[in-house]
Amino acid sequence: MKKIVCLLLALTMLCGVAFAEEAAPALQKNLVILFTSDVHCGIDQGWGYAGLYAVKESLSKDNYVLLVDDGDAIQGEPIGTMTTGEAIIDIMNTVGYDVAIPGNHEFDYGMDRFLELTKKANFPYISCNFNKEGEPVFQPYVIKEFDGVKIAFVGVTTPMSLRSSTPRYFMDENGKFIYGFFQDETGEAVYNAVQKSVDDARAEGAQYVIVMAHMGNEAECSPWMYSDVIAHTNGIDAWLDGHSHDTDQVVMKNKDGQDVVRSGCGTKMEHIGVLTIATDGKISSELYSWTLKTPAPQLLGLNNAASEAVTAASGVLNEKLKQVVASTAVDLIIYDPVAKTEDGKSVRIIRNAETNLGDLCADAYLDQSGEADIALVNGGGIRVSINKGDITLNDILKVHPFGNSLTVIEATGQQVLDALEWSVHSLPGEFGGFDHVAGLTFEVDSTIPTPCVQDESKMFDHVDETMERRVRNVLVAGEPIDPAKTYKVVSHDYQLLNNGDGYTMFEGCKVLQQSVKLDNQVLIDYITGTLGGVVGEGYENPYGQGRIVSVNAE
């Protein structure tokens, strides 16, 4: 009898195990998650949307496939600027995106416009930390299901968006921030928002949790870098990232010592991110890279729904963009013409050093203002070089793709000094707010620790006057700057009125001119009018005219 009882118990246990195994859903085919990030309107660059569509269609024959985007899709090229993002949403609808998150540049056409575009999208936008007065603007996550297996996607967007987009777009009419990203000095608010979303998704039965992020790996973004968040959370299986344009494929430990796969896919569709959840549950990441100079749609002669959408969106614009409006006798640069990285790529210097194109853009603002003493133009707003030869409308629109407007204010010499100090606070590293100047010159010693103090949103708060300043010997029209004197300063509304790149020192200044003309029109009018349609004299040196002089100690 004892043997019979034991046998029955064993059979019962085996049946229980078998039942449990049958109850646990499993993928019958591999799930391939394709992801893009920082496309920046590169609709026919690299793989292009037509190439992405072809890859998606091919993989769908033998796999489950999802397509997601990690932000900064709708801004960066003339087609975005001239349609305020709508053309890109139309193309993304055609390609068949399943989920997207906002990057910092999704807000560049204004909050109302972005929210309008999200309603035109055939896919949901998600973010666990983008909020209005503490309430989420979008759902924090979505769950997709295949063969009974639930996969959650959690969205998170960098709080640096408050500074690197247009701060005023996140404020009410009284200048109070009403939109935010749970920013704080420690990062805990973001970590908690991500963790809560992960836990909630798990509670809904998600077997896998994928974070779609626009956070990146730039030190300037600490404590909100991807590594910061992963190190302070658990329950995340994979992290698909954007913002820093990197292509790093990393496996790092979460706060419990468990592995998290992190993948970046670069920019301008040079790479398609590929995350695979295999039928055995293993997760891996890789990149499909297009390294050829000729874009995939052109070289392969792709003809599909996406190529038709791209043609429809760009065809009307192309003829106008090809119009030659001027010429240049010299190369106007944002990359060092000599220095190369270890892998042979050009080194971008527009965000940490003077260049002839930076000088040209600053001169254009000074000239077109008609009255300013000083011009400031942020390097992050100067996006591409212009090669020697004809200059088309497209060339200029690519230099200034953001649609910012010329603005003139009155500011004290002290405010200008604080602005210059903020401009160089990240040297020798890059900073999108590094200003190119006209009407003044100065010296900078980047070996001195920056005296700039930032607030919890990483914006300029004040200069610690107990510390030595990096900027010295500032001359306006050849004369030492007077901190007590009032100067007329020209830049764009992004920096002077909207706290762009964290420039808060100009708040409350008297506005003399506002929204006079778009930044690209400023450059067009200066080159075609003042310079007579030819750039050359005075701009021969690619490193500029010596307006910003490094005096670093040896």
Protein backbone atom coordinates (compact mmCIF):
# COMPACT_ATOMS: atom_id res chain seq x y z
CA MET A 1 0.00 0.00 0.00
CA LYS A 2 2.88 2.36 0.85
CA LYS A 3 4.40 1.83 -2.58
CA ILE A 4 1.06 2.57 -4.25
CA VAL A 5 0.63 5.81 -2.29
CA CYS A 6 4.17 6.94 -3.14
CA LEU A 7 3.61 6.14 -6.81
CA LEU A 8 0.38 8.13 -6.85
CA LEU A 9 2.09 11.09 -5.17
CA ALA A 10 4.93 10.97 -7.70
CA LEU A 11 2.49 10.87 -10.60
CA THR A 12 0.57 13.78 -9.09
CA MET A 13 3.76 15.82 -8.82
CA LEU A 14 4.77 14.99 -12.39
CA CYS A 15 1.36 15.99 -13.67
CA GLY A 16 1.63 19.22 -11.73
CA VAL A 17 5.00 19.99 -13.30
CA ALA A 18 3.69 19.09 -16.74
CA PHE A 19 0.65 21.28 -16.19
CA ALA A 20 2.84 24.16 -15.03
CA GLU A 21 5.04 23.81 -18.08
CA GLU A 22 2.01 23.78 -20.36
CA ALA A 23 0.59 26.84 -18.57
CA ALA A 24 3.76 28.88 -19.04
CA PRO A 25 3.47 30.45 -22.49
CA ALA A 26 6.47 30.37 -24.80
CA LEU A 27 7.26 31.97 -28.14
CA GLN A 28 6.77 29.66 -31.10
CA LYS A 29 8.96 31.90 -33.29
CA ASN A 30 11.75 34.33 -32.52
CA LEU A 31 10.58 37.87 -31.76
CA VAL A 32 12.71 40.47 -33.54
CA ILE A 33 12.39 44.03 -32.28
CA LEU A 34 13.73 46.51 -34.80
CA PHE A 35 14.43 49.95 -33.44
CA THR A 36 15.52 53.32 -34.74
CA SER A 37 16.64 56.44 -32.91
CA ASP A 38 17.82 59.93 -33.77
CA VAL A 39 16.79 59.56 -37.41
CA HIS A 40 16.56 63.37 -37.48
CA CYS A 41 14.59 63.38 -40.74
CA GLY A 42 17.20 61.25 -42.54
CA ILE A 43 14.40 59.70 -44.56
CA ASP A 44 16.63 58.50 -47.40
CA GLN A 45 20.03 58.33 -45.71
CA GLY A 46 21.79 55.11 -44.72
CA TRP A 47 19.16 52.39 -44.79
CA GLY A 48 16.46 55.02 -45.29
CA TYR A 49 12.87 54.28 -44.42
CA ALA A 50 12.54 52.24 -47.61
CA GLY A 51 15.42 50.02 -46.51
CA LEU A 52 13.95 49.70 -43.04
CA TYR A 53 10.63 48.70 -44.55
CA ALA A 54 12.33 46.04 -46.69
CA VAL A 55 14.20 44.61 -43.70
CA LYS A 56 11.00 44.50 -41.68
CA GLU A 57 9.11 42.74 -44.46
CA SER A 58 11.87 40.18 -44.98
CA LEU A 59 12.22 39.30 -41.30
CA SER A 60 8.46 38.98 -40.91
CA LYS A 61 8.45 35.86 -43.08
CA ASP A 62 10.02 33.70 -40.36
CA ASN A 63 9.80 35.80 -37.18
CA TYR A 64 7.47 37.92 -35.17
CA VAL A 65 8.59 41.52 -35.78
CA LEU A 66 7.95 44.77 -33.94
CA LEU A 67 9.25 48.19 -34.97
CA VAL A 68 9.84 50.96 -32.42
CA ASP A 69 11.46 54.42 -32.38
CA ASP A 70 13.43 56.00 -29.56
CA GLY A 71 12.91 59.65 -30.42
CA ASP A 72 14.31 62.61 -32.39
CA ALA A 73 12.62 61.46 -35.58
CA ILE A 74 10.76 64.59 -36.73
CA GLN A 75 13.48 67.26 -36.67
CA GLY A 76 16.88 67.75 -38.28
CA GLU A 77 16.41 68.21 -42.03
CA PRO A 78 14.47 70.68 -44.19
CA ILE A 79 11.64 68.21 -44.74
CA GLY A 80 10.98 68.31 -41.02
CA THR A 81 11.30 72.06 -40.70
CA MET A 82 9.13 72.84 -43.72
CA THR A 83 6.31 70.53 -42.61
CA THR A 84 6.81 70.98 -38.84
CA GLY A 85 7.24 67.23 -38.52
CA GLU A 86 4.10 66.05 -40.27
CA ALA A 87 5.87 64.51 -43.27
CA ILE A 88 7.89 62.28 -40.97
CA ILE A 89 4.83 61.06 -39.08
CA ASP A 90 3.18 60.21 -42.41
CA ILE A 91 6.19 58.14 -43.45
CA MET A 92 6.40 56.40 -40.08
CA ASN A 93 2.73 55.48 -40.40
CA THR A 94 3.45 53.90 -43.76
CA VAL A 95 6.50 51.99 -42.53
CA GLY A 96 4.36 50.55 -39.75
CA TYR A 97 5.85 51.59 -36.43
CA ASP A 98 4.33 49.93 -33.39
CA VAL A 99 5.52 52.22 -30.58
CA ALA A 100 7.51 55.47 -30.21
CA ILE A 101 8.79 57.72 -27.47
CA PRO A 102 9.53 61.46 -27.54
CA GLY A 103 13.14 62.57 -27.77
CA ASN A 104 14.19 66.06 -26.77
CA HIS A 105 13.81 67.35 -30.34
CA GLU A 106 10.22 66.13 -30.70
CA PHE A 107 9.33 69.35 -28.85
CA ASP A 108 11.16 71.74 -31.19
CA TYR A 109 8.02 72.85 -33.01
CA GLY A 110 6.22 73.65 -29.76
CA MET A 111 4.25 71.54 -27.29
CA ASP A 112 0.91 72.01 -29.03
CA ARG A 113 2.36 70.93 -32.37
CA PHE A 114 4.01 67.83 -30.92
CA LEU A 115 0.83 66.71 -29.18
CA GLU A 116 -1.06 67.33 -32.42
CA LEU A 117 1.42 65.13 -34.30
CA THR A 118 1.03 62.30 -31.78
CA LYS A 119 -2.66 62.21 -32.64
CA LYS A 120 -1.80 61.86 -36.34
CA ALA A 121 0.43 58.88 -35.57
CA ASN A 122 -0.99 55.38 -36.05
CA PHE A 123 1.17 54.19 -33.16
CA PRO A 124 1.22 55.18 -29.49
CA TYR A 125 3.80 57.42 -27.87
CA ILE A 126 4.80 56.28 -24.38
CA SER A 127 6.86 57.80 -21.55
CA CYS A 128 6.87 57.02 -17.86
CA ASN A 129 8.42 60.35 -16.87
CA PHE A 130 7.08 63.00 -19.28
CA ASN A 131 4.41 64.72 -17.24
CA LYS A 132 2.26 67.81 -16.94
CA GLU A 133 2.07 69.08 -13.37
CA GLY A 134 2.91 65.61 -12.11
CA GLU A 135 0.39 63.74 -14.26
CA PRO A 136 1.60 61.52 -17.13
CA VAL A 137 1.02 62.91 -20.61
CA PHE A 138 1.27 59.46 -22.23
CA GLN A 139 0.83 55.92 -21.02
CA PRO A 140 4.06 54.82 -19.29
CA TYR A 141 4.16 51.47 -21.09
CA VAL A 142 2.40 49.22 -23.57
CA ILE A 143 2.22 45.43 -23.68
CA LYS A 144 2.45 43.39 -26.87
CA GLU A 145 1.54 39.70 -26.89
CA PHE A 146 2.69 36.78 -29.04
CA ASP A 147 1.72 33.14 -28.37
CA GLY A 148 0.48 34.23 -24.97
CA VAL A 149 3.87 35.77 -24.12
CA LYS A 150 3.54 39.36 -22.95
CA ILE A 151 6.33 41.83 -23.75
CA ALA A 152 6.17 45.24 -22.10
CA PHE A 153 7.73 48.38 -23.54
CA VAL A 154 8.43 51.17 -21.04
CA GLY A 155 9.27 54.65 -22.34
CA VAL A 156 11.60 57.16 -20.67
CA THR A 157 12.86 60.51 -21.96
CA THR A 158 15.86 62.48 -20.71
CA PRO A 159 15.14 65.40 -18.38
CA MET A 160 17.82 67.22 -20.36
CA SER A 161 14.98 67.91 -22.80
CA LEU A 162 14.06 70.91 -20.67
CA ARG A 163 17.34 72.52 -21.66
CA SER A 164 18.23 71.00 -25.01
CA SER A 165 14.86 71.71 -26.55
CA THR A 166 13.14 75.07 -26.00
CA PRO A 167 12.49 75.57 -22.27
CA ARG A 168 9.62 78.00 -22.87
CA TYR A 169 7.67 75.26 -24.57
CA PHE A 170 7.46 73.48 -21.21
CA MET A 171 6.17 76.58 -19.36
CA ASP A 172 2.84 78.31 -18.91
CA GLU A 173 2.21 81.92 -19.90
CA ASN A 174 3.74 83.09 -16.61
CA GLY A 175 7.05 81.35 -17.20
CA LYS A 176 6.39 78.50 -14.76
CA PHE A 177 7.41 74.98 -15.78
CA ILE A 178 4.25 72.87 -16.05
CA TYR A 179 5.74 70.06 -18.15
CA GLY A 180 8.68 68.05 -16.87
CA PHE A 181 10.46 64.71 -16.74
CA PHE A 182 10.68 64.06 -12.97
CA GLN A 183 14.06 65.77 -12.92
CA ASP A 184 15.91 66.14 -9.64
CA GLU A 185 19.53 66.42 -8.58
CA THR A 186 19.87 62.78 -7.52
CA GLY A 187 18.03 61.06 -10.37
CA GLU A 188 15.84 59.20 -7.87
CA ALA A 189 12.59 60.54 -9.29
CA VAL A 190 13.39 59.13 -12.73
CA TYR A 191 14.63 55.84 -11.27
CA ASN A 192 11.39 55.52 -9.29
CA ALA A 193 9.23 56.28 -12.32
CA VAL A 194 11.00 53.63 -14.38
CA GLN A 195 10.88 51.09 -11.56
CA LYS A 196 7.17 51.63 -10.95
CA SER A 197 6.38 51.12 -14.62
CA VAL A 198 8.49 47.97 -14.76
CA ASP A 199 6.80 46.59 -11.63
CA ASP A 200 3.33 47.46 -12.94
CA ALA A 201 4.06 45.77 -16.26
CA ARG A 202 5.31 42.66 -14.48
CA ALA A 203 2.17 42.65 -12.35
CA GLU A 204 0.14 42.59 -15.58
CA GLY A 205 1.93 39.41 -16.58
CA ALA A 206 4.78 40.74 -18.70
CA GLN A 207 7.43 38.05 -19.06
CA TYR A 208 9.86 40.47 -20.70
CA VAL A 209 10.32 44.19 -20.06
CA ILE A 210 12.07 46.33 -22.69
CA VAL A 211 12.87 49.96 -21.94
CA MET A 212 12.70 52.35 -24.88
CA ALA A 213 14.86 55.27 -23.86
CA HIS A 214 16.15 58.61 -25.05
CA MET A 215 18.81 58.96 -22.34
CA GLY A 216 22.24 58.28 -23.84
CA ASN A 217 25.70 58.06 -22.36
CA GLU A 218 26.88 61.69 -22.31
CA ALA A 219 28.40 62.71 -18.96
CA GLU A 220 26.52 66.01 -19.20
CA CYS A 221 23.29 63.99 -18.77
CA SER A 222 24.28 62.49 -15.40
CA PRO A 223 22.44 61.36 -13.22
CA TRP A 224 20.10 60.37 -16.04
CA MET A 225 22.44 58.39 -18.28
CA TYR A 226 21.28 54.90 -19.21
CA SER A 227 23.92 53.41 -16.92
CA ASP A 228 22.61 55.44 -13.98
CA VAL A 229 19.06 54.20 -14.42
CA ILE A 230 19.95 50.56 -15.02
CA ALA A 231 22.21 50.54 -11.96
CA HIS A 232 19.33 51.79 -9.77
CA THR A 233 16.54 49.51 -11.04
CA ASN A 234 15.68 45.87 -11.54
CA GLY A 235 13.31 43.81 -13.67
CA ILE A 236 14.49 45.26 -17.00
CA ASP A 237 15.58 42.71 -19.62
CA ALA A 238 16.82 45.08 -22.33
CA TRP A 239 17.37 48.80 -22.85
CA LEU A 240 17.04 50.29 -26.34
CA ASP A 241 18.64 53.72 -26.23
CA GLY A 242 19.04 56.98 -28.12
CA HIS A 243 20.03 60.63 -27.62
CA SER A 244 23.85 60.31 -27.65
CA HIS A 245 23.99 58.85 -31.21
CA ASP A 246 26.27 56.05 -30.03
CA THR A 247 26.28 52.47 -31.30
CA ASP A 248 27.48 50.76 -28.12
CA GLN A 249 26.28 47.21 -27.49
CA VAL A 250 26.61 46.67 -23.76
CA VAL A 251 25.63 44.13 -21.14
CA MET A 252 25.66 45.66 -17.65
CA LYS A 253 24.43 44.71 -14.21
CA ASN A 254 21.29 46.11 -12.63
CA LYS A 255 21.05 46.86 -8.92
CA ASP A 256 20.52 43.15 -8.18
CA GLY A 257 23.54 42.07 -10.20
CA GLN A 258 21.47 40.72 -13.11
CA ASP A 259 22.44 41.31 -16.74
CA VAL A 260 20.66 43.95 -18.83
CA VAL A 261 21.28 44.19 -22.56
CA ARG A 262 21.74 47.80 -23.69
CA SER A 263 21.86 48.80 -27.36
CA GLY A 264 22.32 52.09 -29.20
CA CYS A 265 21.81 52.46 -32.95
CA GLY A 266 23.47 55.74 -33.90
CA THR A 267 21.79 58.37 -36.06
CA LYS A 268 20.49 59.14 -39.55
CA MET A 269 19.55 55.48 -40.20
CA GLU A 270 23.17 54.38 -40.60
CA HIS A 271 22.18 51.44 -38.41
CA ILE A 272 19.02 49.54 -37.59
CA GLY A 273 18.93 48.25 -34.04
CA VAL A 274 17.96 44.59 -33.71
CA LEU A 275 16.95 43.00 -30.41
CA THR A 276 16.00 39.33 -30.60
CA ILE A 277 14.08 37.32 -28.02
CA ALA A 278 14.62 33.72 -29.10
CA THR A 279 12.22 30.85 -28.55
CA ASP A 280 14.49 29.59 -25.76
CA GLY A 281 14.15 32.95 -23.99
CA LYS A 282 17.65 34.22 -24.73
CA ILE A 283 18.00 37.92 -25.53
CA SER A 284 20.64 39.34 -27.85
CA SER A 285 21.31 42.62 -29.63
CA GLU A 286 23.08 43.57 -32.84
CA LEU A 287 23.12 46.25 -35.50
CA TYR A 288 22.32 46.03 -39.18
CA SER A 289 24.76 48.64 -40.49
CA TRP A 290 24.79 50.40 -43.84
CA THR A 291 28.35 51.63 -44.31
CA LEU A 292 28.26 52.50 -48.00
CA LYS A 293 28.19 56.13 -49.10
CA THR A 294 25.27 55.52 -51.44
CA PRO A 295 22.04 55.07 -49.43
CA ALA A 296 20.37 51.67 -49.56
CA PRO A 297 17.16 52.86 -51.29
CA GLN A 298 19.19 54.36 -54.13
CA LEU A 299 21.78 51.59 -54.51
CA LEU A 300 19.25 48.75 -54.31
CA GLY A 301 16.57 50.52 -56.30
CA LEU A 302 14.01 49.83 -53.58
CA ASN A 303 10.42 50.29 -54.59
CA ASN A 304 7.93 49.71 -51.81
CA ALA A 305 5.29 51.51 -49.81
CA ALA A 306 7.91 53.39 -47.80
CA SER A 307 9.82 54.56 -50.87
CA GLU A 308 6.56 55.86 -52.33
CA ALA A 309 5.82 57.72 -49.09
CA VAL A 310 9.31 59.24 -49.07
CA THR A 311 8.94 60.31 -52.70
CA ALA A 312 5.56 61.86 -52.03
CA ALA A 313 6.86 63.75 -49.01
CA SER A 314 10.04 65.06 -50.58
CA GLY A 315 9.15 65.49 -54.24
CA VAL A 316 7.41 68.84 -53.88
CA LEU A 317 10.26 70.24 -51.81
CA ASN A 318 13.20 69.05 -53.86
CA GLU A 319 13.04 71.56 -56.69
CA LYS A 320 12.93 74.50 -54.31
CA LEU A 321 15.71 73.09 -52.16
CA LYS A 322 18.01 72.70 -55.16
CA GLN A 323 17.89 76.41 -55.88
CA VAL A 324 21.41 77.92 -55.86
CA VAL A 325 21.34 81.06 -53.75
CA ALA A 326 25.07 81.80 -53.32
CA SER A 327 28.58 80.34 -53.48
CA THR A 328 31.59 79.95 -51.23
CA ALA A 329 35.26 80.02 -52.17
CA VAL A 330 36.23 78.08 -49.03
CA ASP A 331 35.02 75.05 -47.09
CA LEU A 332 32.93 76.18 -44.13
CA ILE A 333 33.38 73.61 -41.40
CA ILE A 334 31.93 72.04 -38.29
CA TYR A 335 34.51 69.19 -38.31
CA ASP A 336 38.24 69.55 -37.86
CA PRO A 337 39.80 69.38 -41.36
CA VAL A 338 42.85 67.53 -40.01
CA ALA A 339 42.15 65.60 -36.81
CA LYS A 340 40.61 62.13 -36.95
CA THR A 341 39.37 59.66 -34.38
CA GLU A 342 41.06 56.29 -33.89
CA ASP A 343 38.63 54.73 -36.36
CA GLY A 344 39.30 57.41 -38.97
CA LYS A 345 36.21 59.54 -38.49
CA SER A 346 36.27 63.34 -38.54
CA VAL A 347 36.26 65.15 -35.21
CA ARG A 348 33.40 67.59 -34.64
CA ILE A 349 34.65 70.88 -33.16
CA ILE A 350 31.71 73.26 -33.68
CA ARG A 351 30.61 72.59 -30.09
CA ASN A 352 33.90 73.32 -28.38
CA ALA A 353 36.00 75.54 -30.67
CA GLU A 354 35.75 78.45 -33.06
CA THR A 355 35.31 77.66 -36.76
CA ASN A 356 34.85 79.76 -39.88
CA LEU A 357 31.25 78.61 -40.25
CA GLY A 358 30.58 79.58 -36.63
CA ASP A 359 32.04 83.02 -37.34
CA LEU A 360 29.90 83.33 -40.47
CA CYS A 361 26.69 82.50 -38.63
CA ALA A 362 27.49 84.93 -35.80
CA ASP A 363 28.39 87.65 -38.32
CA ALA A 364 25.07 87.07 -40.06
CA TYR A 365 23.14 87.70 -36.86
CA LEU A 366 25.16 90.78 -36.01
CA ASP A 367 24.71 92.19 -39.51
CA GLN A 368 21.03 91.40 -39.91
CA SER A 369 20.10 92.80 -36.50
CA GLY A 370 21.02 96.27 -37.72
CA GLU A 371 21.82 97.47 -34.21
CA ALA A 372 23.45 94.84 -31.99
CA ASP A 373 26.86 95.18 -30.36
CA ILE A 374 27.32 91.46 -29.72
CA ALA A 375 26.13 88.29 -31.46
CA LEU A 376 25.95 84.83 -29.90
CA VAL A 377 25.15 81.66 -31.89
CA ASN A 378 25.18 78.24 -30.25
CA GLY A 379 27.29 75.52 -31.89
CA GLY A 380 24.53 72.96 -31.42
CA GLY A 381 22.37 75.01 -33.78
CA ILE A 382 24.98 74.81 -36.58
CA ARG A 383 24.42 71.31 -37.88
CA VAL A 384 26.38 70.72 -41.09
CA SER A 385 29.39 71.99 -43.02
CA ILE A 386 29.11 73.77 -46.39
CA ASN A 387 31.56 72.59 -49.02
CA LYS A 388 33.34 74.97 -51.38
CA GLY A 389 31.24 75.77 -54.45
CA ASP A 390 27.57 76.53 -54.98
CA ILE A 391 25.37 77.03 -51.93
CA THR A 392 21.80 75.84 -52.30
CA LEU A 393 18.77 76.65 -50.20
CA ASN A 394 19.02 73.10 -48.92
CA ASP A 395 22.60 73.69 -47.73
CA ILE A 396 21.56 76.66 -45.63
CA LEU A 397 18.45 75.01 -44.27
CA LYS A 398 20.61 72.11 -43.11
CA VAL A 399 22.97 74.49 -41.31
CA HIS A 400 20.07 75.98 -39.33
CA PRO A 401 17.22 73.42 -39.34
CA PHE A 402 15.46 74.46 -36.13
CA GLY A 403 13.42 77.45 -37.27
CA ASN A 404 14.62 79.77 -34.48
CA SER A 405 14.11 83.50 -34.93
CA LEU A 406 16.45 86.49 -34.72
CA THR A 407 15.96 88.35 -31.44
CA VAL A 408 17.71 91.38 -29.93
CA ILE A 409 17.77 92.23 -26.23
CA GLU A 410 19.46 94.67 -23.90
CA ALA A 411 21.77 92.96 -21.41
CA THR A 412 24.41 94.11 -18.98
CA GLY A 413 28.06 93.35 -19.48
CA GLN A 414 27.83 91.12 -16.41
CA GLN A 415 25.08 89.04 -18.00
CA VAL A 416 27.21 88.68 -21.13
CA LEU A 417 30.17 87.58 -19.00
CA ASP A 418 27.98 84.98 -17.27
CA ALA A 419 26.74 83.79 -20.66
CA LEU A 420 30.29 83.36 -21.94
CA GLU A 421 31.22 81.47 -18.77
CA TRP A 422 28.25 79.14 -19.29
CA SER A 423 29.18 78.76 -22.95
CA VAL A 424 32.57 77.27 -22.07
CA HIS A 425 31.64 75.41 -18.87
CA SER A 426 31.93 71.96 -20.52
CA LEU A 427 35.29 72.50 -22.22
CA PRO A 428 37.23 70.60 -23.38
CA GLY A 429 34.12 68.49 -23.86
CA GLU A 430 31.30 69.32 -26.24
CA PHE A 431 28.33 71.49 -25.32
CA GLY A 432 25.49 72.33 -27.71
CA GLY A 433 25.33 75.77 -26.09
CA PHE A 434 28.97 76.60 -26.88
CA ASP A 435 28.61 80.06 -28.42
CA HIS A 436 30.28 81.42 -31.51
CA VAL A 437 30.58 85.16 -31.27
CA ALA A 438 30.72 88.36 -33.28
CA GLY A 439 31.41 91.87 -32.02
CA LEU A 440 33.60 90.58 -29.21
CA THR A 441 36.67 88.46 -28.50
CA PHE A 442 37.79 86.63 -25.38
CA GLU A 443 40.31 84.19 -23.93
CA VAL A 444 39.44 80.98 -22.11
CA ASP A 445 41.40 78.65 -19.84
CA SER A 446 39.60 75.30 -19.70
CA THR A 447 42.11 73.86 -17.21
CA ILE A 448 40.35 75.91 -14.51
CA PRO A 449 37.33 74.15 -12.95
CA THR A 450 34.13 75.76 -14.14
CA PRO A 451 32.63 78.15 -11.60
CA CYS A 452 29.15 77.72 -13.10
CA VAL A 453 26.53 76.30 -10.73
CA GLN A 454 23.59 74.43 -12.26
CA ASP A 455 20.10 73.98 -10.91
CA GLU A 456 18.34 70.61 -10.64
CA SER A 457 17.34 70.82 -14.31
CA LYS A 458 20.98 71.28 -15.36
CA MET A 459 20.33 74.89 -16.33
CA PHE A 460 22.56 77.85 -15.40
CA ASP A 461 21.89 79.07 -11.87
CA HIS A 462 24.81 81.35 -11.03
CA VAL A 463 28.57 81.76 -11.08
CA ASP A 464 30.39 80.91 -7.86
CA GLU A 465 32.32 84.12 -7.33
CA THR A 466 34.67 82.42 -4.86
CA MET A 467 36.15 80.54 -7.83
CA GLU A 468 38.29 81.80 -10.68
CA ARG A 469 36.48 82.37 -13.96
CA ARG A 470 37.56 80.56 -17.12
CA VAL A 471 36.81 83.54 -19.38
CA ARG A 472 39.10 86.56 -19.38
CA ASN A 473 40.11 89.58 -21.45
CA VAL A 474 36.69 90.08 -23.03
CA LEU A 475 36.74 92.89 -25.58
CA VAL A 476 33.68 94.44 -27.22
CA ALA A 477 34.60 96.31 -30.39
CA GLY A 478 38.18 96.25 -29.12
CA GLU A 479 37.37 97.76 -25.70
CA PRO A 480 37.25 95.87 -22.36
CA ILE A 481 33.71 94.85 -21.52
CA ASP A 482 32.08 96.91 -18.77
CA PRO A 483 30.00 94.72 -16.42
CA ALA A 484 27.76 97.67 -15.55
CA LYS A 485 27.18 98.85 -19.10
CA THR A 486 24.16 97.88 -21.20
CA TYR A 487 24.84 96.17 -24.53
CA LYS A 488 22.56 95.15 -27.36
CA VAL A 489 22.83 91.38 -27.82
CA VAL A 490 21.51 89.46 -30.81
CA SER A 491 20.94 85.74 -31.02
CA HIS A 492 17.79 83.69 -31.52
CA ASP A 493 14.70 83.38 -29.37
CA TYR A 494 15.81 79.88 -28.35
CA GLN A 495 18.73 81.24 -26.33
CA LEU A 496 17.68 84.75 -25.39
CA LEU A 497 14.00 84.24 -24.59
CA ASN A 498 13.43 80.53 -24.12
CA ASN A 499 16.36 79.52 -21.88
CA GLY A 500 17.69 77.25 -24.63
CA ASP A 501 20.81 75.25 -23.64
CA GLY A 502 20.26 76.46 -20.08
CA TYR A 503 20.88 80.17 -20.71
CA THR A 504 18.78 81.66 -17.90
CA MET A 505 20.90 84.75 -17.24
CA PHE A 506 18.97 86.79 -19.83
CA GLU A 507 15.58 86.42 -18.16
CA GLY A 508 13.88 89.78 -17.66
CA CYS A 509 16.00 91.60 -20.23
CA LYS A 510 14.35 94.25 -22.36
CA VAL A 511 13.45 92.86 -25.80
CA LEU A 512 14.26 95.19 -28.69
CA GLN A 513 13.47 92.85 -31.59
CA GLN A 514 11.60 89.56 -31.46
CA SER A 515 10.95 86.89 -34.10
CA VAL A 516 12.23 89.15 -36.87
CA LYS A 517 13.23 86.38 -39.29
CA LEU A 518 14.12 82.69 -39.19
CA ASP A 519 17.73 81.70 -38.54
CA ASN A 520 18.21 80.20 -42.00
CA GLN A 521 16.80 83.37 -43.57
CA VAL A 522 19.28 85.40 -41.53
CA LEU A 523 22.12 83.40 -43.09
CA ILE A 524 20.64 83.59 -46.60
CA ASP A 525 20.17 87.37 -46.44
CA TYR A 526 23.67 87.97 -45.07
CA ILE A 527 25.38 85.86 -47.73
CA THR A 528 23.28 86.99 -50.69
CA GLY A 529 22.99 90.61 -49.58
CA THR A 530 25.85 91.87 -47.45
CA LEU A 531 28.45 89.49 -48.93
CA GLY A 532 27.15 89.85 -52.46
CA GLY A 533 26.46 86.14 -52.81
CA VAL A 534 30.05 85.00 -52.27
CA VAL A 535 31.64 83.74 -49.05
CA GLY A 536 35.40 83.93 -48.97
CA GLU A 537 37.27 86.98 -47.76
CA GLY A 538 37.79 86.79 -44.01
CA TYR A 539 36.68 83.18 -43.74
CA GLU A 540 39.69 81.44 -45.28
CA ASN A 541 40.95 80.01 -41.97
CA PRO A 542 38.81 76.98 -41.04
CA TYR A 543 39.55 77.67 -37.36
CA GLY A 544 38.11 81.16 -37.55
CA GLN A 545 39.41 84.65 -36.95
CA GLY A 546 40.78 84.24 -33.44
CA ARG A 547 37.72 85.50 -31.60
CA ILE A 548 37.92 82.69 -29.02
CA VAL A 549 41.50 82.09 -27.89
CA SER A 550 42.53 79.15 -25.71
CA VAL A 551 45.12 80.09 -23.09
CA ASN A 552 45.28 76.72 -21.33
CA ALA A 553 48.21 76.27 -19.03
CA GLU A 554 50.80 73.76 -20.24
